[in-house]
Amino acid sequence: MQAFKTQFTLSRQYLAECFDQTSPFEKKSAIKKWFPALLLLVGLALLMFTEQPKVAGSMLIGLAVLELIHIRFKRAWWLTRQMWGRSANSEIKLSINNEGIETQNPYTKTSLAWDNVETVIETELGIILVAKIGGRQYLSKSLFPEELVAEIIVKCKAVEDD
């Protein structure tokens, strides 16, 4: 694989693309859906069937409402948290070579070796590299020439088969 270097700004648009392209492949947990309902039921039960002060029941209902808001505005909240981070709007240097992928910004430097990639998921606008330790890295196809994207996918699939 030929060495390739590029840089890009970690902008709101890039982060929005990351969220939109990776969220369909996120691990879904049934508990996330049922948690607000459970909080609401327990809170209502505490309010209706106990003689205790109403603080605990009210707090649980309030937490249920907050959790529902979190579920409804998940994308906006995630983007806001990312934009509050130090790395937001910073220049990211990306290098790809025979060893793997390396990203560097003014605050962090990370690398992902090809043999640490468990699987690769191709999306409409990018690729998601899933590490064996469970981390995920999204790379937009707009950063690379088409032949390099195909080469990355082939390299990762070859590692998967080993």
N, C-alpha and C. Protein backbone atom coordinates (compact mmCIF):
# COMPACT_ATOMS: atom_id res chain seq x y z
N MET A 1 0.85 -1.17 0.00
CA MET A 1 0.00 0.00 0.00
C MET A 1 0.89 1.24 0.00
N GLN A 2 0.56 2.16 -0.86
CA GLN A 2 1.36 3.38 -0.93
C GLN A 2 1.01 4.29 0.24
N ALA A 3 2.00 5.06 0.70
CA ALA A 3 1.77 6.00 1.80
C ALA A 3 0.90 7.15 1.30
N PHE A 4 -0.01 7.58 2.14
CA PHE A 4 -0.92 8.66 1.78
C PHE A 4 -1.07 9.57 2.98
N LYS A 5 -0.99 10.87 2.76
CA LYS A 5 -1.17 11.85 3.83
C LYS A 5 -2.15 12.92 3.38
N THR A 6 -2.97 13.33 4.30
CA THR A 6 -3.90 14.42 4.05
C THR A 6 -4.20 15.10 5.37
N GLN A 7 -4.86 16.23 5.29
CA GLN A 7 -5.34 16.88 6.50
C GLN A 7 -6.69 17.51 6.23
N PHE A 8 -7.46 17.62 7.29
CA PHE A 8 -8.80 18.17 7.18
C PHE A 8 -9.17 18.82 8.50
N THR A 9 -10.21 19.63 8.47
CA THR A 9 -10.69 20.30 9.68
C THR A 9 -11.82 19.47 10.28
N LEU A 10 -11.74 19.27 11.57
CA LEU A 10 -12.78 18.52 12.28
C LEU A 10 -13.95 19.47 12.53
N SER A 11 -14.70 19.72 11.48
CA SER A 11 -15.79 20.70 11.50
C SER A 11 -17.10 20.04 11.93
N ARG A 12 -18.09 20.88 12.14
CA ARG A 12 -19.42 20.39 12.49
C ARG A 12 -19.98 19.51 11.38
N GLN A 13 -19.73 19.88 10.11
CA GLN A 13 -20.23 19.10 8.99
C GLN A 13 -19.60 17.71 8.96
N TYR A 14 -18.29 17.65 9.22
CA TYR A 14 -17.61 16.34 9.23
C TYR A 14 -18.16 15.48 10.38
N LEU A 15 -18.32 16.09 11.55
CA LEU A 15 -18.84 15.34 12.70
C LEU A 15 -20.28 14.88 12.46
N ALA A 16 -21.09 15.72 11.80
CA ALA A 16 -22.46 15.32 11.48
C ALA A 16 -22.46 14.12 10.54
N GLU A 17 -21.55 14.13 9.54
CA GLU A 17 -21.42 12.99 8.64
C GLU A 17 -21.02 11.74 9.43
N CYS A 18 -20.08 11.89 10.36
CA CYS A 18 -19.65 10.75 11.19
C CYS A 18 -20.84 10.15 11.93
N PHE A 19 -21.63 11.01 12.58
CA PHE A 19 -22.77 10.51 13.34
C PHE A 19 -23.79 9.83 12.43
N ASP A 20 -24.13 10.51 11.34
CA ASP A 20 -25.15 9.97 10.44
C ASP A 20 -24.74 8.64 9.81
N GLN A 21 -23.47 8.49 9.49
CA GLN A 21 -23.01 7.27 8.83
C GLN A 21 -22.77 6.13 9.80
N THR A 22 -22.44 6.43 11.06
CA THR A 22 -22.14 5.36 12.01
C THR A 22 -23.35 4.94 12.85
N SER A 23 -24.33 5.81 13.03
CA SER A 23 -25.45 5.47 13.91
C SER A 23 -26.25 4.23 13.47
N PRO A 24 -26.44 3.96 12.16
CA PRO A 24 -27.15 2.72 11.82
C PRO A 24 -26.40 1.44 12.24
N PHE A 25 -25.10 1.55 12.49
CA PHE A 25 -24.29 0.39 12.84
C PHE A 25 -23.97 0.35 14.33
N GLU A 26 -24.61 1.21 15.09
CA GLU A 26 -24.40 1.27 16.53
C GLU A 26 -25.05 0.05 17.18
N LYS A 27 -24.43 -0.41 18.24
CA LYS A 27 -25.02 -1.54 18.96
C LYS A 27 -26.30 -1.06 19.63
N LYS A 28 -27.39 -1.70 19.29
CA LYS A 28 -28.69 -1.33 19.86
C LYS A 28 -28.91 -2.12 21.15
N SER A 29 -29.38 -1.43 22.13
CA SER A 29 -29.66 -2.07 23.40
C SER A 29 -31.14 -1.87 23.73
N ALA A 30 -31.82 -2.95 24.03
CA ALA A 30 -33.24 -2.87 24.36
C ALA A 30 -33.45 -2.07 25.65
N ILE A 31 -32.46 -2.12 26.54
CA ILE A 31 -32.60 -1.41 27.81
C ILE A 31 -32.69 0.09 27.58
N LYS A 32 -32.06 0.62 26.54
CA LYS A 32 -32.11 2.06 26.25
C LYS A 32 -33.53 2.51 25.95
N LYS A 33 -34.29 1.65 25.26
CA LYS A 33 -35.67 1.98 24.92
C LYS A 33 -36.59 1.90 26.13
N TRP A 34 -36.40 0.89 26.94
CA TRP A 34 -37.32 0.63 28.03
C TRP A 34 -36.96 1.37 29.31
N PHE A 35 -35.78 1.92 29.40
CA PHE A 35 -35.34 2.59 30.62
C PHE A 35 -36.25 3.77 31.00
N PRO A 36 -36.58 4.68 30.06
CA PRO A 36 -37.48 5.78 30.45
C PRO A 36 -38.86 5.29 30.91
N ALA A 37 -39.38 4.26 30.26
CA ALA A 37 -40.68 3.72 30.65
C ALA A 37 -40.61 3.13 32.06
N LEU A 38 -39.53 2.43 32.35
CA LEU A 38 -39.35 1.86 33.68
C LEU A 38 -39.25 2.96 34.74
N LEU A 39 -38.47 4.00 34.46
CA LEU A 39 -38.36 5.12 35.40
C LEU A 39 -39.73 5.77 35.64
N LEU A 40 -40.48 5.97 34.56
CA LEU A 40 -41.79 6.58 34.67
C LEU A 40 -42.74 5.72 35.51
N LEU A 41 -42.76 4.42 35.24
CA LEU A 41 -43.64 3.52 36.00
C LEU A 41 -43.28 3.48 37.48
N VAL A 42 -41.99 3.38 37.79
CA VAL A 42 -41.57 3.34 39.19
C VAL A 42 -41.89 4.67 39.87
N GLY A 43 -41.64 5.78 39.16
CA GLY A 43 -41.96 7.09 39.72
C GLY A 43 -43.44 7.25 40.01
N LEU A 44 -44.28 6.85 39.06
CA LEU A 44 -45.74 6.92 39.27
C LEU A 44 -46.18 6.00 40.41
N ALA A 45 -45.58 4.81 40.48
CA ALA A 45 -45.93 3.89 41.56
C ALA A 45 -45.56 4.49 42.91
N LEU A 46 -44.40 5.13 43.00
CA LEU A 46 -44.01 5.76 44.26
C LEU A 46 -44.97 6.89 44.64
N LEU A 47 -45.41 7.65 43.65
CA LEU A 47 -46.33 8.75 43.93
C LEU A 47 -47.72 8.26 44.35
N MET A 48 -48.18 7.19 43.70
CA MET A 48 -49.55 6.76 43.93
C MET A 48 -49.72 5.77 45.08
N PHE A 49 -48.75 4.90 45.30
CA PHE A 49 -48.97 3.79 46.23
C PHE A 49 -48.15 3.84 47.51
N THR A 50 -47.43 4.92 47.74
CA THR A 50 -46.66 5.00 48.99
C THR A 50 -47.02 6.27 49.74
N GLU A 51 -46.76 6.25 51.01
CA GLU A 51 -47.00 7.43 51.86
C GLU A 51 -45.71 8.23 52.06
N GLN A 52 -44.67 7.82 51.35
CA GLN A 52 -43.38 8.51 51.46
C GLN A 52 -43.49 9.91 50.89
N PRO A 53 -42.53 10.77 51.24
CA PRO A 53 -42.51 12.09 50.59
C PRO A 53 -42.42 11.92 49.07
N LYS A 54 -42.99 12.84 48.36
CA LYS A 54 -43.14 12.71 46.91
C LYS A 54 -41.87 13.05 46.13
N VAL A 55 -40.78 13.32 46.80
CA VAL A 55 -39.54 13.73 46.12
C VAL A 55 -38.98 12.62 45.24
N ALA A 56 -38.89 11.41 45.76
CA ALA A 56 -38.29 10.30 44.99
C ALA A 56 -39.08 10.01 43.72
N GLY A 57 -40.39 9.94 43.84
CA GLY A 57 -41.23 9.68 42.67
C GLY A 57 -41.12 10.79 41.64
N SER A 58 -41.12 12.03 42.11
CA SER A 58 -41.00 13.17 41.19
C SER A 58 -39.64 13.18 40.50
N MET A 59 -38.60 12.83 41.23
CA MET A 59 -37.26 12.78 40.63
C MET A 59 -37.18 11.70 39.55
N LEU A 60 -37.77 10.55 39.80
CA LEU A 60 -37.75 9.48 38.81
C LEU A 60 -38.54 9.87 37.55
N ILE A 61 -39.65 10.54 37.74
CA ILE A 61 -40.42 11.01 36.57
C ILE A 61 -39.62 12.06 35.81
N GLY A 62 -38.95 12.95 36.54
CA GLY A 62 -38.09 13.95 35.89
C GLY A 62 -36.95 13.30 35.12
N LEU A 63 -36.35 12.27 35.69
CA LEU A 63 -35.28 11.54 34.99
C LEU A 63 -35.82 10.85 33.74
N ALA A 64 -37.03 10.32 33.82
CA ALA A 64 -37.63 9.68 32.65
C ALA A 64 -37.83 10.69 31.53
N VAL A 65 -38.30 11.89 31.88
CA VAL A 65 -38.49 12.94 30.87
C VAL A 65 -37.16 13.33 30.26
N LEU A 66 -36.13 13.49 31.10
CA LEU A 66 -34.79 13.82 30.58
C LEU A 66 -34.26 12.74 29.65
N GLU A 67 -34.49 11.50 30.00
CA GLU A 67 -34.04 10.39 29.15
C GLU A 67 -34.78 10.38 27.82
N LEU A 68 -36.06 10.69 27.82
CA LEU A 68 -36.82 10.78 26.57
C LEU A 68 -36.31 11.93 25.70
N ILE A 69 -35.98 13.05 26.33
CA ILE A 69 -35.40 14.18 25.59
C ILE A 69 -34.06 13.77 25.00
N HIS A 70 -33.26 13.03 25.77
CA HIS A 70 -31.96 12.56 25.29
C HIS A 70 -32.13 11.66 24.06
N ILE A 71 -33.10 10.78 24.10
CA ILE A 71 -33.34 9.88 22.97
C ILE A 71 -33.80 10.67 21.76
N ARG A 72 -34.69 11.62 21.96
CA ARG A 72 -35.24 12.40 20.84
C ARG A 72 -34.19 13.29 20.18
N PHE A 73 -33.32 13.91 20.98
CA PHE A 73 -32.33 14.85 20.46
C PHE A 73 -30.92 14.29 20.52
N LYS A 74 -30.78 13.00 20.31
CA LYS A 74 -29.49 12.32 20.43
C LYS A 74 -28.43 12.92 19.51
N ARG A 75 -28.78 13.13 18.25
CA ARG A 75 -27.82 13.65 17.27
C ARG A 75 -27.36 15.06 17.65
N ALA A 76 -28.31 15.93 17.95
CA ALA A 76 -27.97 17.32 18.29
C ALA A 76 -27.12 17.37 19.56
N TRP A 77 -27.45 16.56 20.55
CA TRP A 77 -26.69 16.54 21.79
C TRP A 77 -25.28 16.00 21.55
N TRP A 78 -25.14 14.95 20.75
CA TRP A 78 -23.82 14.40 20.45
C TRP A 78 -22.97 15.43 19.72
N LEU A 79 -23.55 16.09 18.72
CA LEU A 79 -22.80 17.11 17.97
C LEU A 79 -22.38 18.27 18.87
N THR A 80 -23.27 18.69 19.75
CA THR A 80 -22.94 19.78 20.67
C THR A 80 -21.78 19.39 21.59
N ARG A 81 -21.82 18.17 22.12
CA ARG A 81 -20.72 17.72 22.99
C ARG A 81 -19.40 17.67 22.22
N GLN A 82 -19.45 17.22 20.96
CA GLN A 82 -18.22 17.16 20.17
C GLN A 82 -17.69 18.57 19.88
N MET A 83 -18.57 19.51 19.62
CA MET A 83 -18.15 20.87 19.32
C MET A 83 -17.63 21.58 20.56
N TRP A 84 -18.03 21.15 21.76
CA TRP A 84 -17.48 21.72 22.99
C TRP A 84 -16.09 21.17 23.28
N GLY A 85 -15.72 20.06 22.64
CA GLY A 85 -14.43 19.43 22.89
C GLY A 85 -13.28 20.25 22.34
N ARG A 86 -12.09 20.00 22.87
CA ARG A 86 -10.89 20.73 22.44
C ARG A 86 -10.57 20.51 20.97
N SER A 87 -10.84 19.34 20.46
CA SER A 87 -10.45 19.00 19.09
C SER A 87 -11.36 19.61 18.02
N ALA A 88 -12.48 20.17 18.43
CA ALA A 88 -13.42 20.74 17.46
C ALA A 88 -12.74 21.87 16.67
N ASN A 89 -12.98 21.87 15.38
CA ASN A 89 -12.43 22.87 14.46
C ASN A 89 -10.91 22.90 14.39
N SER A 90 -10.26 21.83 14.83
CA SER A 90 -8.80 21.76 14.72
C SER A 90 -8.42 21.00 13.45
N GLU A 91 -7.19 21.19 13.02
CA GLU A 91 -6.67 20.49 11.85
C GLU A 91 -6.26 19.08 12.24
N ILE A 92 -6.74 18.10 11.50
CA ILE A 92 -6.40 16.70 11.72
C ILE A 92 -5.46 16.26 10.61
N LYS A 93 -4.33 15.69 10.99
CA LYS A 93 -3.40 15.13 10.01
C LYS A 93 -3.63 13.63 9.98
N LEU A 94 -3.89 13.10 8.80
CA LEU A 94 -4.20 11.69 8.62
C LEU A 94 -3.16 11.05 7.72
N SER A 95 -2.56 9.95 8.19
CA SER A 95 -1.56 9.22 7.39
C SER A 95 -1.97 7.77 7.30
N ILE A 96 -1.82 7.23 6.10
CA ILE A 96 -2.09 5.82 5.86
C ILE A 96 -0.85 5.22 5.22
N ASN A 97 -0.41 4.06 5.76
CA ASN A 97 0.74 3.37 5.19
C ASN A 97 0.57 1.87 5.39
N ASN A 98 1.61 1.11 5.17
CA ASN A 98 1.53 -0.36 5.29
C ASN A 98 1.26 -0.84 6.71
N GLU A 99 1.60 -0.01 7.71
CA GLU A 99 1.39 -0.41 9.11
C GLU A 99 -0.05 -0.17 9.56
N GLY A 100 -0.66 0.93 9.09
CA GLY A 100 -2.01 1.23 9.51
C GLY A 100 -2.37 2.69 9.26
N ILE A 101 -3.26 3.20 10.10
CA ILE A 101 -3.77 4.56 9.98
C ILE A 101 -3.38 5.33 11.23
N GLU A 102 -2.92 6.55 11.02
CA GLU A 102 -2.53 7.41 12.13
C GLU A 102 -3.21 8.76 11.98
N THR A 103 -3.80 9.23 13.07
CA THR A 103 -4.41 10.56 13.07
C THR A 103 -3.76 11.38 14.17
N GLN A 104 -3.61 12.66 13.88
CA GLN A 104 -2.96 13.54 14.86
C GLN A 104 -3.62 14.90 14.80
N ASN A 105 -3.94 15.43 15.96
CA ASN A 105 -4.40 16.81 16.06
C ASN A 105 -3.52 17.49 17.12
N PRO A 106 -3.73 18.76 17.40
CA PRO A 106 -2.86 19.42 18.38
C PRO A 106 -2.89 18.80 19.77
N TYR A 107 -3.88 17.97 20.07
CA TYR A 107 -4.04 17.44 21.42
C TYR A 107 -3.80 15.94 21.56
N THR A 108 -4.03 15.19 20.51
CA THR A 108 -3.89 13.73 20.60
C THR A 108 -3.26 13.16 19.33
N LYS A 109 -2.72 11.98 19.49
CA LYS A 109 -2.18 11.23 18.36
C LYS A 109 -2.64 9.79 18.55
N THR A 110 -3.35 9.26 17.56
CA THR A 110 -3.84 7.88 17.65
C THR A 110 -3.40 7.10 16.42
N SER A 111 -3.28 5.81 16.61
CA SER A 111 -2.94 4.95 15.47
C SER A 111 -3.73 3.65 15.58
N LEU A 112 -4.03 3.11 14.43
CA LEU A 112 -4.74 1.84 14.34
C LEU A 112 -4.00 0.97 13.34
N ALA A 113 -3.36 -0.08 13.83
CA ALA A 113 -2.62 -0.98 12.95
C ALA A 113 -3.61 -1.86 12.19
N TRP A 114 -3.23 -2.24 10.97
CA TRP A 114 -4.12 -3.06 10.15
C TRP A 114 -4.46 -4.38 10.84
N ASP A 115 -3.50 -4.98 11.56
CA ASP A 115 -3.82 -6.26 12.20
C ASP A 115 -4.70 -6.10 13.43
N ASN A 116 -4.95 -4.86 13.86
CA ASN A 116 -5.88 -4.62 14.97
C ASN A 116 -7.30 -4.33 14.49
N VAL A 117 -7.48 -4.31 13.17
CA VAL A 117 -8.82 -4.06 12.61
C VAL A 117 -9.57 -5.39 12.54
N GLU A 118 -10.70 -5.44 13.23
CA GLU A 118 -11.51 -6.67 13.24
C GLU A 118 -12.37 -6.75 11.98
N THR A 119 -12.99 -5.65 11.63
CA THR A 119 -13.85 -5.63 10.45
C THR A 119 -13.92 -4.22 9.89
N VAL A 120 -14.33 -4.13 8.65
CA VAL A 120 -14.53 -2.84 8.00
C VAL A 120 -15.97 -2.80 7.48
N ILE A 121 -16.63 -1.67 7.71
CA ILE A 121 -18.01 -1.49 7.25
C ILE A 121 -18.01 -0.33 6.27
N GLU A 122 -18.46 -0.60 5.05
CA GLU A 122 -18.52 0.46 4.06
C GLU A 122 -19.91 1.09 4.10
N THR A 123 -19.95 2.41 4.22
CA THR A 123 -21.21 3.15 4.19
C THR A 123 -21.26 3.95 2.90
N GLU A 124 -22.34 4.66 2.71
CA GLU A 124 -22.50 5.45 1.50
C GLU A 124 -21.41 6.52 1.37
N LEU A 125 -21.06 7.16 2.46
CA LEU A 125 -20.11 8.28 2.41
C LEU A 125 -18.76 8.00 3.04
N GLY A 126 -18.56 6.83 3.61
CA GLY A 126 -17.29 6.56 4.27
C GLY A 126 -17.11 5.10 4.63
N ILE A 127 -16.11 4.86 5.47
CA ILE A 127 -15.86 3.51 5.97
C ILE A 127 -15.67 3.58 7.48
N ILE A 128 -16.11 2.53 8.14
CA ILE A 128 -15.97 2.42 9.59
C ILE A 128 -15.02 1.27 9.86
N LEU A 129 -13.93 1.56 10.54
CA LEU A 129 -12.98 0.53 10.92
C LEU A 129 -13.27 0.14 12.37
N VAL A 130 -13.58 -1.13 12.58
CA VAL A 130 -13.88 -1.62 13.92
C VAL A 130 -12.65 -2.35 14.44
N ALA A 131 -12.11 -1.84 15.53
CA ALA A 131 -10.90 -2.43 16.12
C ALA A 131 -11.26 -3.67 16.93
N LYS A 132 -10.30 -4.55 17.10
CA LYS A 132 -10.52 -5.77 17.88
C LYS A 132 -10.85 -5.46 19.33
N ILE A 133 -10.36 -4.33 19.84
CA ILE A 133 -10.64 -3.96 21.23
C ILE A 133 -11.98 -3.23 21.36
N GLY A 134 -12.69 -3.05 20.24
CA GLY A 134 -14.04 -2.50 20.29
C GLY A 134 -14.18 -1.06 19.83
N GLY A 135 -13.10 -0.33 19.68
CA GLY A 135 -13.20 1.04 19.21
C GLY A 135 -13.59 1.10 17.74
N ARG A 136 -14.10 2.24 17.34
CA ARG A 136 -14.49 2.45 15.95
C ARG A 136 -13.88 3.74 15.45
N GLN A 137 -13.48 3.74 14.20
CA GLN A 137 -12.95 4.94 13.57
C GLN A 137 -13.64 5.13 12.23
N TYR A 138 -14.22 6.31 12.05
CA TYR A 138 -14.91 6.63 10.80
C TYR A 138 -13.98 7.45 9.92
N LEU A 139 -13.92 7.09 8.65
CA LEU A 139 -13.14 7.84 7.67
C LEU A 139 -14.05 8.18 6.50
N SER A 140 -14.13 9.45 6.18
CA SER A 140 -14.96 9.89 5.07
C SER A 140 -14.27 9.56 3.75
N LYS A 141 -15.03 9.05 2.81
CA LYS A 141 -14.48 8.75 1.48
C LYS A 141 -14.03 10.02 0.77
N SER A 142 -14.56 11.16 1.16
CA SER A 142 -14.19 12.42 0.51
C SER A 142 -12.73 12.80 0.77
N LEU A 143 -12.10 12.16 1.74
CA LEU A 143 -10.70 12.45 2.07
C LEU A 143 -9.71 11.74 1.16
N PHE A 144 -10.17 10.71 0.45
CA PHE A 144 -9.26 9.83 -0.30
C PHE A 144 -9.66 9.72 -1.76
N PRO A 145 -8.68 9.37 -2.59
CA PRO A 145 -9.03 8.97 -3.96
C PRO A 145 -9.78 7.63 -3.91
N GLU A 146 -10.63 7.39 -4.90
CA GLU A 146 -11.46 6.17 -4.91
C GLU A 146 -10.63 4.89 -4.82
N GLU A 147 -9.50 4.86 -5.53
CA GLU A 147 -8.69 3.63 -5.51
C GLU A 147 -8.09 3.36 -4.13
N LEU A 148 -7.82 4.41 -3.36
CA LEU A 148 -7.29 4.21 -2.01
C LEU A 148 -8.37 3.66 -1.08
N VAL A 149 -9.59 4.11 -1.24
CA VAL A 149 -10.70 3.58 -0.44
C VAL A 149 -10.84 2.08 -0.71
N ALA A 150 -10.81 1.69 -1.97
CA ALA A 150 -10.90 0.27 -2.32
C ALA A 150 -9.72 -0.51 -1.75
N GLU A 151 -8.54 0.09 -1.78
CA GLU A 151 -7.35 -0.57 -1.25
C GLU A 151 -7.45 -0.76 0.27
N ILE A 152 -7.99 0.23 0.97
CA ILE A 152 -8.17 0.11 2.43
C ILE A 152 -9.14 -1.03 2.74
N ILE A 153 -10.24 -1.08 1.99
CA ILE A 153 -11.24 -2.13 2.21
C ILE A 153 -10.64 -3.51 1.96
N VAL A 154 -9.90 -3.64 0.87
CA VAL A 154 -9.26 -4.92 0.55
C VAL A 154 -8.25 -5.30 1.64
N LYS A 155 -7.46 -4.33 2.09
CA LYS A 155 -6.45 -4.58 3.14
C LYS A 155 -7.13 -5.06 4.42
N CYS A 156 -8.21 -4.41 4.80
CA CYS A 156 -8.92 -4.80 6.03
C CYS A 156 -9.60 -6.16 5.89
N LYS A 157 -10.16 -6.44 4.73
CA LYS A 157 -10.80 -7.74 4.49
C LYS A 157 -9.76 -8.85 4.54
N ALA A 158 -8.56 -8.57 4.01
CA ALA A 158 -7.48 -9.55 4.05
C ALA A 158 -7.08 -9.87 5.48
N VAL A 159 -7.05 -8.84 6.33
CA VAL A 159 -6.72 -9.04 7.74
C VAL A 159 -7.82 -9.83 8.44
N GLU A 160 -9.09 -9.54 8.08
CA GLU A 160 -10.23 -10.27 8.66
C GLU A 160 -10.11 -11.77 8.38
N ASP A 161 -9.72 -12.11 7.16
CA ASP A 161 -9.66 -13.51 6.73
C ASP A 161 -8.51 -14.27 7.37
N ASP A 162 -7.49 -13.57 7.85
CA ASP A 162 -6.34 -14.25 8.46
C ASP A 162 -6.67 -14.88 9.78
